[in-house]
C-alpha atoms as a PDB file:
ATOM      1  CA  UNK A   1      48.838  38.559  39.386  1.00  0.00           C
ATOM      2  CA  UNK A   2      48.353  42.253  39.420  1.00  0.00           C
ATOM      3  CA  UNK A   3      45.999  43.863  36.461  1.00  0.00           C
ATOM      4  CA  UNK A   4      48.179  47.551  35.757  1.00  0.00           C
ATOM      5  CA  UNK A   5      45.497  50.096  36.119  1.00  0.00           C
ATOM      6  CA  UNK A   6      44.456  50.185  32.345  1.00  0.00           C
ATOM      7  CA  UNK A   7      43.024  47.321  32.656  1.00  0.00           C
ATOM      8  CA  UNK A   8      40.686  48.024  35.557  1.00  0.00           C
ATOM      9  CA  UNK A   9      39.453  50.550  34.016  1.00  0.00           C
ATOM     10  CA  UNK A  10      38.532  48.645  31.366  1.00  0.00           C
ATOM     11  CA  UNK A  11      36.418  46.526  32.685  1.00  0.00           C
ATOM     12  CA  UNK A  12      34.898  48.576  34.327  1.00  0.00           C
ATOM     13  CA  UNK A  13      36.831  49.748  37.790  1.00  0.00           C
ATOM     14  CA  UNK A  14      36.844  53.322  38.574  1.00  0.00           C
ATOM     15  CA  UNK A  15      38.438  55.753  40.876  1.00  0.00           C
ATOM     16  CA  UNK A  16      36.913  55.599  44.533  1.00  0.00           C
ATOM     17  CA  UNK A  17      38.008  58.557  47.181  1.00  0.00           C
ATOM     18  CA  UNK A  18      37.476  58.216  50.680  1.00  0.00           C
ATOM     19  CA  UNK A  19      37.916  60.309  54.038  1.00  0.00           C
ATOM     20  CA  UNK A  20      37.270  58.811  56.431  1.00  0.00           C
ATOM     21  CA  UNK A  21      36.891  60.448  60.078  1.00  0.00           C
ATOM     22  CA  UNK A  22      37.841  58.681  63.119  1.00  0.00           C
ATOM     23  CA  UNK A  23      38.684  59.476  66.656  1.00  0.00           C
ATOM     24  CA  UNK A  24      42.373  59.389  68.101  1.00  0.00           C
ATOM     25  CA  UNK A  25      42.085  56.124  70.601  1.00  0.00           C
ATOM     26  CA  UNK A  26      44.278  58.043  72.812  1.00  0.00           C
ATOM     27  CA  UNK A  27      41.666  61.022  73.180  1.00  0.00           C
ATOM     28  CA  UNK A  28      38.067  60.260  72.181  1.00  0.00           C
ATOM     29  CA  UNK A  29      37.357  64.079  72.162  1.00  0.00           C
ATOM     30  CA  UNK A  30      39.116  64.184  68.906  1.00  0.00           C
ATOM     31  CA  UNK A  31      38.623  63.381  65.721  1.00  0.00           C
ATOM     32  CA  UNK A  32      41.377  63.154  63.084  1.00  0.00           C
ATOM     33  CA  UNK A  33      40.864  62.547  59.109  1.00  0.00           C
ATOM     34  CA  UNK A  34      42.365  59.663  56.592  1.00  0.00           C
ATOM     35  CA  UNK A  35      42.296  59.717  52.789  1.00  0.00           C
ATOM     36  CA  UNK A  36      41.987  56.418  51.228  1.00  0.00           C
ATOM     37  CA  UNK A  37      42.208  55.829  46.991  1.00  0.00           C
ATOM     38  CA  UNK A  38      42.016  53.089  45.062  1.00  0.00           C
ATOM     39  CA  UNK A  39      40.219  51.643  41.899  1.00  0.00           C
ATOM     40  CA  UNK A  40      36.804  50.001  42.912  1.00  0.00           C
ATOM     41  CA  UNK A  41      33.605  48.991  41.696  1.00  0.00           C
ATOM     42  CA  UNK A  42      30.113  50.980  41.861  1.00  0.00           C
ATOM     43  CA  UNK A  43      28.182  50.325  42.744  1.00  0.00           C
ATOM     44  CA  UNK A  44      28.808  47.648  45.082  1.00  0.00           C
ATOM     45  CA  UNK A  45      32.074  49.191  46.269  1.00  0.00           C
ATOM     46  CA  UNK A  46      33.876  45.978  47.633  1.00  0.00           C
ATOM     47  CA  UNK A  47      37.754  46.884  47.995  1.00  0.00           C
ATOM     48  CA  UNK A  48      36.492  49.938  50.248  1.00  0.00           C
ATOM     49  CA  UNK A  49      34.275  47.483  51.993  1.00  0.00           C
ATOM     50  CA  UNK A  50      37.080  45.017  52.644  1.00  0.00           C
ATOM     51  CA  UNK A  51      39.263  48.010  53.995  1.00  0.00           C
ATOM     52  CA  UNK A  52      35.972  49.668  56.137  1.00  0.00           C
ATOM     53  CA  UNK A  53      36.082  46.178  57.849  1.00  0.00           C
ATOM     54  CA  UNK A  54      39.894  46.378  58.410  1.00  0.00           C
ATOM     55  CA  UNK A  55      39.883  48.968  59.820  1.00  0.00           C
ATOM     56  CA  UNK A  56      36.993  48.074  62.142  1.00  0.00           C
ATOM     57  CA  UNK A  57      38.597  44.639  63.177  1.00  0.00           C
ATOM     58  CA  UNK A  58      42.046  45.660  63.313  1.00  0.00           C
ATOM     59  CA  UNK A  59      42.678  50.168  63.821  1.00  0.00           C
ATOM     60  CA  UNK A  60      42.329  51.872  67.381  1.00  0.00           C
ATOM     61  CA  UNK A  61      41.072  54.772  65.876  1.00  0.00           C
ATOM     62  CA  UNK A  62      36.549  54.291  66.080  1.00  0.00           C
ATOM     63  CA  UNK A  63      35.604  55.563  63.283  1.00  0.00           C
ATOM     64  CA  UNK A  64      33.433  58.588  63.155  1.00  0.00           C
ATOM     65  CA  UNK A  65      31.855  58.704  59.307  1.00  0.00           C
ATOM     66  CA  UNK A  66      33.212  57.311  56.280  1.00  0.00           C
ATOM     67  CA  UNK A  67      32.206  60.265  52.849  1.00  0.00           C
ATOM     68  CA  UNK A  68      33.149  58.384  49.978  1.00  0.00           C
ATOM     69  CA  UNK A  69      32.997  59.220  45.694  1.00  0.00           C
ATOM     70  CA  UNK A  70      33.061  57.695  42.679  1.00  0.00           C
ATOM     71  CA  UNK A  71      34.211  58.203  39.251  1.00  0.00           C
ATOM     72  CA  UNK A  72      35.103  56.091  36.171  1.00  0.00           C
ATOM     73  CA  UNK A  73      37.659  57.350  34.246  1.00  0.00           C
ATOM     74  CA  UNK A  74      37.558  55.759  31.112  1.00  0.00           C
ATOM     75  CA  UNK A  75      34.745  53.144  30.208  1.00  0.00           C
ATOM     76  CA  UNK A  76      34.725  50.430  28.554  1.00  0.00           C
ATOM     77  CA  UNK A  77      33.443  52.070  24.989  1.00  0.00           C
ATOM     78  CA  UNK A  78      35.271  54.803  24.708  1.00  0.00           C
ATOM     79  CA  UNK A  79      38.654  53.323  24.600  1.00  0.00           C
ATOM     80  CA  UNK A  80      40.040  52.085  21.498  1.00  0.00           C
ATOM     81  CA  UNK A  81      43.799  50.574  19.948  1.00  0.00           C
ATOM     82  CA  UNK A  82      44.641  52.544  17.150  1.00  0.00           C
ATOM     83  CA  UNK A  83      46.903  51.309  14.279  1.00  0.00           C
ATOM     84  CA  UNK A  84      48.370  54.372  12.231  1.00  0.00           C
ATOM     85  CA  UNK A  85      51.284  57.368  11.981  1.00  0.00           C
ATOM     86  CA  UNK A  86      50.405  60.249  11.100  1.00  0.00           C
ATOM     87  CA  UNK A  87      53.585  62.758   9.163  1.00  0.00           C
ATOM     88  CA  UNK A  88      52.998  66.063   8.866  1.00  0.00           C
ATOM     89  CA  UNK A  89      55.284  67.823   6.831  1.00  0.00           C
END
């Protein structure tokens, strides 16, 4: 079962954005970029490294470099379920 983005964030996942710089398969001297985003766990980044492994095994364009950033958007202690309603007249 796929988890929602909110469930992932509450479990400690953060948004990882990676920029892949790779050599074009037919023109090795030409570099191109690919942007990848996924919710992942820092500091190990299992989903990012799984994607890098997939790229190296299945994609023809050899990687030149990978830059990435990671940001937690909601920490487990920052979210609270509130029950109630305010009416302003």
